[in-house]
Amino acid sequence: MTQAATSRTQSVAGNDFAQAYFSGVGQLEASRRFTAEQLEVIYAMGYADMNQRKWDSALRIFSFLALYGATRRHYLAGLATCLQMLGRWDEAIDIWSLILTLFDDSLEPMLQIVYCYLSAGRRELAVTRLQQLDQALGAQDALKLRVTALLEQLETAGK
């Protein structure tokens, strides 16, 4: 199977997983405990804590939001960002990976995974993931410039 065919197969499998996840989570009683408006008010509190760099406080809020609004990308991204800023690299990578799986319309979370690898001192893995990301992005993708620049910087620093 070619790399493109494998990628398409994985994407379809990912979409099936995402659909099942959204459907399953939507049926949980906990997901109906709070209204969308109530969750957004709580999100605003977590976002304010993030802006003030109160990572521990924000983490508690985003952990709560991830439980009760588990299908909302910005809640999961807030959780992953807090974990990342607190140096909990492996947990952050897990959440960024979940975001990639559930929301396959953007590869931005992969760049965040690369930052986690770099921060954790796993440079070789970071470079490998960056190279994969660079190949996956189209020439006109806005993320391509950031990926290319970081890859060049890492390759120059490694010499």
N, C-alpha and C. Protein backbone atom coordinates (compact mmCIF):
# COMPACT_ATOMS: atom_id res chain seq x y z
N MET A 1 0.85 -1.18 0.00
CA MET A 1 0.00 0.00 0.00
C MET A 1 0.90 1.23 0.00
N THR A 2 0.58 2.22 -0.84
CA THR A 2 1.39 3.43 -0.91
C THR A 2 1.18 4.27 0.34
N GLN A 3 2.12 5.22 0.53
CA GLN A 3 2.01 6.10 1.70
C GLN A 3 0.73 6.93 1.63
N ALA A 4 0.37 7.41 0.43
CA ALA A 4 -0.85 8.21 0.27
C ALA A 4 -2.08 7.37 0.59
N ALA A 5 -2.10 6.11 0.12
CA ALA A 5 -3.24 5.24 0.39
C ALA A 5 -3.34 4.93 1.87
N THR A 6 -2.20 4.69 2.50
CA THR A 6 -2.18 4.44 3.94
C THR A 6 -2.70 5.65 4.70
N SER A 7 -2.27 6.83 4.28
CA SER A 7 -2.71 8.06 4.92
C SER A 7 -4.22 8.23 4.80
N ARG A 8 -4.76 7.96 3.60
CA ARG A 8 -6.20 8.08 3.39
C ARG A 8 -6.95 7.08 4.26
N THR A 9 -6.44 5.85 4.34
CA THR A 9 -7.08 4.82 5.16
C THR A 9 -7.08 5.24 6.62
N GLN A 10 -5.96 5.75 7.11
CA GLN A 10 -5.88 6.19 8.49
C GLN A 10 -6.83 7.36 8.74
N SER A 11 -6.95 8.26 7.75
CA SER A 11 -7.84 9.41 7.90
C SER A 11 -9.29 8.95 8.02
N VAL A 12 -9.69 7.99 7.17
CA VAL A 12 -11.05 7.48 7.23
C VAL A 12 -11.28 6.79 8.57
N ALA A 13 -10.31 5.98 9.00
CA ALA A 13 -10.44 5.31 10.30
C ALA A 13 -10.55 6.34 11.41
N GLY A 14 -9.75 7.39 11.32
CA GLY A 14 -9.81 8.46 12.31
C GLY A 14 -11.17 9.13 12.31
N ASN A 15 -11.73 9.34 11.13
CA ASN A 15 -13.05 9.96 11.05
C ASN A 15 -14.11 9.06 11.67
N ASP A 16 -14.02 7.75 11.42
CA ASP A 16 -14.97 6.82 12.03
C ASP A 16 -14.85 6.85 13.55
N PHE A 17 -13.62 6.88 14.03
CA PHE A 17 -13.41 6.97 15.47
C PHE A 17 -14.01 8.25 16.02
N ALA A 18 -13.74 9.36 15.34
CA ALA A 18 -14.24 10.65 15.80
C ALA A 18 -15.77 10.66 15.83
N GLN A 19 -16.39 10.11 14.79
CA GLN A 19 -17.85 10.07 14.75
C GLN A 19 -18.40 9.24 15.91
N ALA A 20 -17.78 8.09 16.15
CA ALA A 20 -18.23 7.23 17.26
C ALA A 20 -18.01 7.93 18.60
N TYR A 21 -16.89 8.62 18.73
CA TYR A 21 -16.57 9.34 19.96
C TYR A 21 -17.61 10.43 20.22
N PHE A 22 -17.87 11.26 19.20
CA PHE A 22 -18.84 12.35 19.36
C PHE A 22 -20.22 11.80 19.69
N SER A 23 -20.60 10.73 19.02
CA SER A 23 -21.90 10.12 19.27
C SER A 23 -21.98 9.55 20.69
N GLY A 24 -20.96 8.83 21.08
CA GLY A 24 -20.94 8.21 22.41
C GLY A 24 -20.92 9.23 23.53
N VAL A 25 -20.08 10.24 23.39
CA VAL A 25 -19.98 11.27 24.43
C VAL A 25 -21.29 12.06 24.51
N GLY A 26 -21.91 12.30 23.36
CA GLY A 26 -23.17 13.04 23.35
C GLY A 26 -24.29 12.32 24.08
N GLN A 27 -24.18 11.00 24.19
CA GLN A 27 -25.21 10.22 24.86
C GLN A 27 -25.00 10.12 26.38
N LEU A 28 -23.83 10.52 26.84
CA LEU A 28 -23.55 10.47 28.28
C LEU A 28 -24.35 11.53 29.02
N GLU A 29 -24.87 11.15 30.16
CA GLU A 29 -25.66 12.09 30.96
C GLU A 29 -24.83 13.30 31.38
N ALA A 30 -23.56 13.08 31.67
CA ALA A 30 -22.69 14.17 32.11
C ALA A 30 -22.55 15.25 31.04
N SER A 31 -22.65 14.85 29.78
CA SER A 31 -22.48 15.85 28.72
C SER A 31 -23.69 16.78 28.62
N ARG A 32 -24.78 16.43 29.30
CA ARG A 32 -25.97 17.29 29.28
C ARG A 32 -26.20 17.99 30.62
N ARG A 33 -25.24 17.84 31.53
CA ARG A 33 -25.39 18.40 32.87
C ARG A 33 -25.32 19.93 32.85
N PHE A 34 -24.52 20.48 31.94
CA PHE A 34 -24.36 21.93 31.83
C PHE A 34 -24.76 22.37 30.43
N THR A 35 -25.31 23.57 30.34
CA THR A 35 -25.62 24.10 29.01
C THR A 35 -24.33 24.60 28.36
N ALA A 36 -24.39 24.78 27.06
CA ALA A 36 -23.23 25.30 26.33
C ALA A 36 -22.85 26.68 26.87
N GLU A 37 -23.83 27.47 27.21
CA GLU A 37 -23.56 28.82 27.74
C GLU A 37 -22.84 28.75 29.08
N GLN A 38 -23.28 27.85 29.94
CA GLN A 38 -22.62 27.69 31.24
C GLN A 38 -21.17 27.25 31.07
N LEU A 39 -20.94 26.32 30.17
CA LEU A 39 -19.58 25.85 29.92
C LEU A 39 -18.70 26.97 29.36
N GLU A 40 -19.28 27.81 28.53
CA GLU A 40 -18.50 28.92 27.96
C GLU A 40 -18.13 29.96 29.02
N VAL A 41 -18.99 30.15 30.01
CA VAL A 41 -18.65 31.05 31.12
C VAL A 41 -17.47 30.47 31.90
N ILE A 42 -17.51 29.18 32.14
CA ILE A 42 -16.40 28.52 32.84
C ILE A 42 -15.14 28.60 31.99
N TYR A 43 -15.28 28.42 30.68
CA TYR A 43 -14.14 28.52 29.76
C TYR A 43 -13.50 29.91 29.87
N ALA A 44 -14.32 30.94 29.95
CA ALA A 44 -13.79 32.31 30.06
C ALA A 44 -12.93 32.46 31.31
N MET A 45 -13.33 31.79 32.39
CA MET A 45 -12.52 31.84 33.61
C MET A 45 -11.17 31.14 33.40
N GLY A 46 -11.20 29.99 32.75
CA GLY A 46 -9.96 29.28 32.46
C GLY A 46 -9.06 30.05 31.51
N TYR A 47 -9.68 30.67 30.52
CA TYR A 47 -8.92 31.46 29.55
C TYR A 47 -8.26 32.65 30.24
N ALA A 48 -8.98 33.28 31.16
CA ALA A 48 -8.41 34.40 31.92
C ALA A 48 -7.22 33.93 32.75
N ASP A 49 -7.35 32.78 33.38
CA ASP A 49 -6.22 32.23 34.15
C ASP A 49 -5.03 31.95 33.24
N MET A 50 -5.28 31.44 32.05
CA MET A 50 -4.18 31.19 31.11
C MET A 50 -3.48 32.49 30.74
N ASN A 51 -4.26 33.52 30.47
CA ASN A 51 -3.67 34.82 30.11
C ASN A 51 -2.83 35.41 31.24
N GLN A 52 -3.18 35.05 32.47
CA GLN A 52 -2.42 35.51 33.63
C GLN A 52 -1.34 34.51 34.03
N ARG A 53 -1.17 33.49 33.21
CA ARG A 53 -0.16 32.44 33.44
C ARG A 53 -0.37 31.70 34.77
N LYS A 54 -1.60 31.57 35.16
CA LYS A 54 -1.96 30.79 36.35
C LYS A 54 -2.29 29.37 35.88
N TRP A 55 -1.23 28.65 35.52
CA TRP A 55 -1.40 27.36 34.85
C TRP A 55 -2.08 26.31 35.72
N ASP A 56 -1.77 26.27 37.01
CA ASP A 56 -2.40 25.28 37.89
C ASP A 56 -3.90 25.50 37.99
N SER A 57 -4.28 26.74 38.16
CA SER A 57 -5.70 27.07 38.26
C SER A 57 -6.41 26.80 36.94
N ALA A 58 -5.79 27.21 35.85
CA ALA A 58 -6.38 26.98 34.53
C ALA A 58 -6.50 25.48 34.24
N LEU A 59 -5.51 24.71 34.68
CA LEU A 59 -5.55 23.26 34.46
C LEU A 59 -6.77 22.64 35.11
N ARG A 60 -7.08 23.05 36.32
CA ARG A 60 -8.27 22.51 37.01
C ARG A 60 -9.54 22.84 36.22
N ILE A 61 -9.61 24.05 35.72
CA ILE A 61 -10.80 24.46 34.96
C ILE A 61 -10.90 23.68 33.65
N PHE A 62 -9.79 23.58 32.92
CA PHE A 62 -9.84 22.88 31.64
C PHE A 62 -10.01 21.37 31.81
N SER A 63 -9.55 20.82 32.91
CA SER A 63 -9.81 19.40 33.20
C SER A 63 -11.31 19.18 33.37
N PHE A 64 -11.94 20.07 34.10
CA PHE A 64 -13.38 20.03 34.29
C PHE A 64 -14.09 20.16 32.94
N LEU A 65 -13.68 21.14 32.14
CA LEU A 65 -14.31 21.36 30.84
C LEU A 65 -14.14 20.16 29.92
N ALA A 66 -12.98 19.52 29.98
CA ALA A 66 -12.73 18.36 29.12
C ALA A 66 -13.65 17.19 29.50
N LEU A 67 -14.06 17.14 30.75
CA LEU A 67 -15.00 16.10 31.17
C LEU A 67 -16.42 16.40 30.71
N TYR A 68 -16.84 17.63 30.86
CA TYR A 68 -18.23 17.98 30.57
C TYR A 68 -18.45 18.53 29.16
N GLY A 69 -17.40 18.85 28.48
CA GLY A 69 -17.50 19.31 27.09
C GLY A 69 -16.44 18.64 26.24
N ALA A 70 -16.41 17.32 26.33
CA ALA A 70 -15.31 16.54 25.74
C ALA A 70 -15.25 16.57 24.22
N THR A 71 -16.23 17.17 23.58
CA THR A 71 -16.21 17.24 22.12
C THR A 71 -15.88 18.65 21.62
N ARG A 72 -15.48 19.50 22.52
CA ARG A 72 -15.17 20.89 22.12
C ARG A 72 -13.65 21.07 22.04
N ARG A 73 -13.21 21.39 20.85
CA ARG A 73 -11.78 21.50 20.57
C ARG A 73 -11.08 22.49 21.49
N HIS A 74 -11.67 23.66 21.70
CA HIS A 74 -10.97 24.68 22.48
C HIS A 74 -10.84 24.29 23.96
N TYR A 75 -11.71 23.44 24.47
CA TYR A 75 -11.54 22.96 25.84
C TYR A 75 -10.35 22.01 25.91
N LEU A 76 -10.27 21.11 24.94
CA LEU A 76 -9.15 20.16 24.90
C LEU A 76 -7.83 20.88 24.66
N ALA A 77 -7.85 21.89 23.78
CA ALA A 77 -6.62 22.66 23.51
C ALA A 77 -6.18 23.42 24.76
N GLY A 78 -7.12 23.94 25.50
CA GLY A 78 -6.78 24.62 26.76
C GLY A 78 -6.14 23.65 27.74
N LEU A 79 -6.70 22.46 27.83
CA LEU A 79 -6.14 21.43 28.72
C LEU A 79 -4.72 21.06 28.28
N ALA A 80 -4.54 20.83 26.99
CA ALA A 80 -3.22 20.46 26.48
C ALA A 80 -2.20 21.57 26.70
N THR A 81 -2.62 22.81 26.50
CA THR A 81 -1.72 23.95 26.69
C THR A 81 -1.28 24.05 28.15
N CYS A 82 -2.23 23.89 29.07
CA CYS A 82 -1.88 23.94 30.50
C CYS A 82 -0.89 22.84 30.86
N LEU A 83 -1.16 21.64 30.41
CA LEU A 83 -0.25 20.52 30.68
C LEU A 83 1.14 20.81 30.12
N GLN A 84 1.16 21.36 28.92
CA GLN A 84 2.42 21.69 28.26
C GLN A 84 3.19 22.74 29.06
N MET A 85 2.51 23.77 29.49
CA MET A 85 3.16 24.86 30.22
C MET A 85 3.61 24.43 31.62
N LEU A 86 3.00 23.39 32.14
CA LEU A 86 3.40 22.86 33.45
C LEU A 86 4.48 21.77 33.33
N GLY A 87 4.94 21.53 32.11
CA GLY A 87 6.00 20.55 31.91
C GLY A 87 5.54 19.11 31.96
N ARG A 88 4.27 18.89 31.80
CA ARG A 88 3.72 17.53 31.80
C ARG A 88 3.60 17.08 30.33
N TRP A 89 4.79 16.89 29.73
CA TRP A 89 4.90 16.71 28.28
C TRP A 89 4.10 15.53 27.76
N ASP A 90 4.24 14.37 28.38
CA ASP A 90 3.57 13.17 27.86
C ASP A 90 2.05 13.31 27.90
N GLU A 91 1.54 13.90 28.96
CA GLU A 91 0.09 14.11 29.05
C GLU A 91 -0.37 15.12 28.00
N ALA A 92 0.42 16.17 27.81
CA ALA A 92 0.08 17.16 26.78
C ALA A 92 0.08 16.52 25.40
N ILE A 93 1.08 15.69 25.13
CA ILE A 93 1.15 14.99 23.84
C ILE A 93 -0.09 14.12 23.64
N ASP A 94 -0.53 13.45 24.69
CA ASP A 94 -1.74 12.62 24.59
C ASP A 94 -2.96 13.45 24.20
N ILE A 95 -3.12 14.61 24.82
CA ILE A 95 -4.29 15.45 24.52
C ILE A 95 -4.17 16.06 23.13
N TRP A 96 -2.97 16.55 22.76
CA TRP A 96 -2.80 17.08 21.40
C TRP A 96 -3.07 15.98 20.37
N SER A 97 -2.67 14.75 20.67
CA SER A 97 -2.92 13.63 19.75
C SER A 97 -4.42 13.35 19.64
N LEU A 98 -5.13 13.44 20.75
CA LEU A 98 -6.58 13.27 20.71
C LEU A 98 -7.21 14.35 19.83
N ILE A 99 -6.76 15.57 19.97
CA ILE A 99 -7.28 16.66 19.14
C ILE A 99 -7.02 16.38 17.66
N LEU A 100 -5.82 15.91 17.34
CA LEU A 100 -5.51 15.54 15.95
C LEU A 100 -6.45 14.46 15.44
N THR A 101 -6.78 13.51 16.29
CA THR A 101 -7.65 12.41 15.89
C THR A 101 -9.08 12.87 15.69
N LEU A 102 -9.56 13.69 16.60
CA LEU A 102 -10.97 14.11 16.55
C LEU A 102 -11.22 15.21 15.53
N PHE A 103 -10.25 16.07 15.33
CA PHE A 103 -10.43 17.23 14.46
C PHE A 103 -9.31 17.21 13.42
N ASP A 104 -9.51 16.46 12.36
CA ASP A 104 -8.45 16.27 11.38
C ASP A 104 -8.39 17.37 10.32
N ASP A 105 -9.02 18.50 10.57
CA ASP A 105 -9.01 19.60 9.61
C ASP A 105 -7.81 20.52 9.79
N SER A 106 -7.01 20.31 10.83
CA SER A 106 -5.84 21.15 11.08
C SER A 106 -4.72 20.30 11.66
N LEU A 107 -3.50 20.58 11.20
CA LEU A 107 -2.32 19.88 11.71
C LEU A 107 -1.57 20.69 12.76
N GLU A 108 -2.12 21.81 13.18
CA GLU A 108 -1.50 22.66 14.21
C GLU A 108 -1.15 21.88 15.48
N PRO A 109 -2.01 20.97 15.95
CA PRO A 109 -1.64 20.21 17.16
C PRO A 109 -0.34 19.42 17.01
N MET A 110 -0.02 19.00 15.79
CA MET A 110 1.24 18.27 15.59
C MET A 110 2.43 19.16 15.90
N LEU A 111 2.33 20.44 15.58
CA LEU A 111 3.41 21.37 15.90
C LEU A 111 3.54 21.50 17.42
N GLN A 112 2.43 21.51 18.12
CA GLN A 112 2.47 21.57 19.58
C GLN A 112 3.12 20.30 20.16
N ILE A 113 2.85 19.17 19.53
CA ILE A 113 3.49 17.91 19.94
C ILE A 113 5.00 18.02 19.76
N VAL A 114 5.42 18.61 18.65
CA VAL A 114 6.86 18.82 18.40
C VAL A 114 7.46 19.68 19.51
N TYR A 115 6.77 20.75 19.88
CA TYR A 115 7.27 21.62 20.96
C TYR A 115 7.41 20.83 22.27
N CYS A 116 6.46 19.93 22.53
CA CYS A 116 6.55 19.09 23.74
C CYS A 116 7.77 18.19 23.67
N TYR A 117 8.00 17.58 22.52
CA TYR A 117 9.18 16.72 22.37
C TYR A 117 10.45 17.52 22.60
N LEU A 118 10.52 18.71 22.03
CA LEU A 118 11.71 19.54 22.19
C LEU A 118 11.91 19.92 23.65
N SER A 119 10.85 20.32 24.31
CA SER A 119 10.94 20.72 25.72
C SER A 119 11.34 19.55 26.61
N ALA A 120 10.94 18.35 26.22
CA ALA A 120 11.27 17.15 27.00
C ALA A 120 12.65 16.60 26.64
N GLY A 121 13.36 17.28 25.73
CA GLY A 121 14.70 16.84 25.35
C GLY A 121 14.71 15.69 24.36
N ARG A 122 13.62 15.49 23.67
CA ARG A 122 13.52 14.40 22.69
C ARG A 122 13.65 14.97 21.28
N ARG A 123 14.81 15.55 21.01
CA ARG A 123 15.07 16.30 19.78
C ARG A 123 14.90 15.45 18.51
N GLU A 124 15.46 14.24 18.52
CA GLU A 124 15.38 13.40 17.32
C GLU A 124 13.94 13.10 16.94
N LEU A 125 13.12 12.80 17.92
CA LEU A 125 11.71 12.53 17.66
C LEU A 125 11.02 13.79 17.16
N ALA A 126 11.38 14.94 17.73
CA ALA A 126 10.80 16.21 17.28
C ALA A 126 11.14 16.47 15.82
N VAL A 127 12.39 16.25 15.44
CA VAL A 127 12.81 16.48 14.05
C VAL A 127 12.07 15.52 13.12
N THR A 128 11.95 14.27 13.51
CA THR A 128 11.23 13.29 12.69
C THR A 128 9.78 13.73 12.47
N ARG A 129 9.11 14.14 13.54
CA ARG A 129 7.71 14.59 13.43
C ARG A 129 7.61 15.86 12.58
N LEU A 130 8.58 16.75 12.73
CA LEU A 130 8.58 17.97 11.91
C LEU A 130 8.74 17.64 10.43
N GLN A 131 9.61 16.71 10.12
CA GLN A 131 9.81 16.30 8.73
C GLN A 131 8.52 15.69 8.17
N GLN A 132 7.84 14.88 8.96
CA GLN A 132 6.57 14.30 8.53
C GLN A 132 5.52 15.39 8.31
N LEU A 133 5.48 16.33 9.22
CA LEU A 133 4.53 17.43 9.11
C LEU A 133 4.84 18.28 7.89
N ASP A 134 6.11 18.55 7.65
CA ASP A 134 6.53 19.34 6.49
C ASP A 134 6.07 18.67 5.20
N GLN A 135 6.19 17.36 5.11
CA GLN A 135 5.77 16.63 3.92
C GLN A 135 4.25 16.61 3.76
N ALA A 136 3.54 16.61 4.87
CA ALA A 136 2.08 16.53 4.82
C ALA A 136 1.42 17.86 4.44
N LEU A 137 2.11 18.96 4.69
CA LEU A 137 1.52 20.28 4.44
C LEU A 137 1.68 20.70 2.99
N GLY A 138 0.66 21.36 2.47
CA GLY A 138 0.75 21.93 1.14
C GLY A 138 1.61 23.18 1.15
N ALA A 139 2.12 23.54 -0.01
CA ALA A 139 3.04 24.68 -0.12
C ALA A 139 2.38 25.98 0.33
N GLN A 140 1.08 26.09 0.19
CA GLN A 140 0.38 27.33 0.53
C GLN A 140 -0.15 27.35 1.96
N ASP A 141 0.01 26.29 2.68
CA ASP A 141 -0.48 26.21 4.06
C ASP A 141 0.30 27.19 4.94
N ALA A 142 -0.41 27.99 5.72
CA ALA A 142 0.23 28.99 6.59
C ALA A 142 1.15 28.33 7.62
N LEU A 143 0.84 27.14 8.03
CA LEU A 143 1.65 26.41 9.00
C LEU A 143 2.99 25.98 8.40
N LYS A 144 3.03 25.85 7.08
CA LYS A 144 4.24 25.38 6.38
C LYS A 144 5.44 26.27 6.68
N LEU A 145 5.24 27.59 6.69
CA LEU A 145 6.35 28.51 6.95
C LEU A 145 6.94 28.30 8.34
N ARG A 146 6.09 28.14 9.32
CA ARG A 146 6.56 27.91 10.69
C ARG A 146 7.31 26.59 10.81
N VAL A 147 6.77 25.56 10.18
CA VAL A 147 7.39 24.24 10.24
C VAL A 147 8.74 24.25 9.56
N THR A 148 8.80 24.85 8.37
CA THR A 148 10.05 24.91 7.62
C THR A 148 11.11 25.69 8.39
N ALA A 149 10.72 26.82 8.96
CA ALA A 149 11.68 27.65 9.71
C ALA A 149 12.21 26.89 10.93
N LEU A 150 11.33 26.22 11.66
CA LEU A 150 11.76 25.47 12.84
C LEU A 150 12.66 24.29 12.44
N LEU A 151 12.30 23.63 11.37
CA LEU A 151 13.11 22.50 10.89
C LEU A 151 14.50 22.97 10.49
N GLU A 152 14.57 24.08 9.77
CA GLU A 152 15.88 24.63 9.37
C GLU A 152 16.70 25.02 10.59
N GLN A 153 16.05 25.63 11.56
CA GLN A 153 16.74 26.05 12.79
C GLN A 153 17.29 24.83 13.54
N LEU A 154 16.51 23.78 13.63
CA LEU A 154 16.96 22.57 14.33
C LEU A 154 18.08 21.87 13.57
N GLU A 155 17.97 21.85 12.25
CA GLU A 155 19.02 21.21 11.45
C GLU A 155 20.32 22.00 11.53
N THR A 156 20.23 23.33 11.54
CA THR A 156 21.42 24.18 11.66
C THR A 156 22.05 24.01 13.04
N ALA A 157 21.23 23.97 14.08
CA ALA A 157 21.74 23.83 15.45
C ALA A 157 22.35 22.45 15.68
N GLY A 158 21.89 21.46 14.91
CA GLY A 158 22.39 20.10 15.09
C GLY A 158 23.72 19.84 14.42
N LYS A 159 24.18 20.79 13.61
CA LYS A 159 25.45 20.60 12.88
C LYS A 159 26.63 21.04 13.69
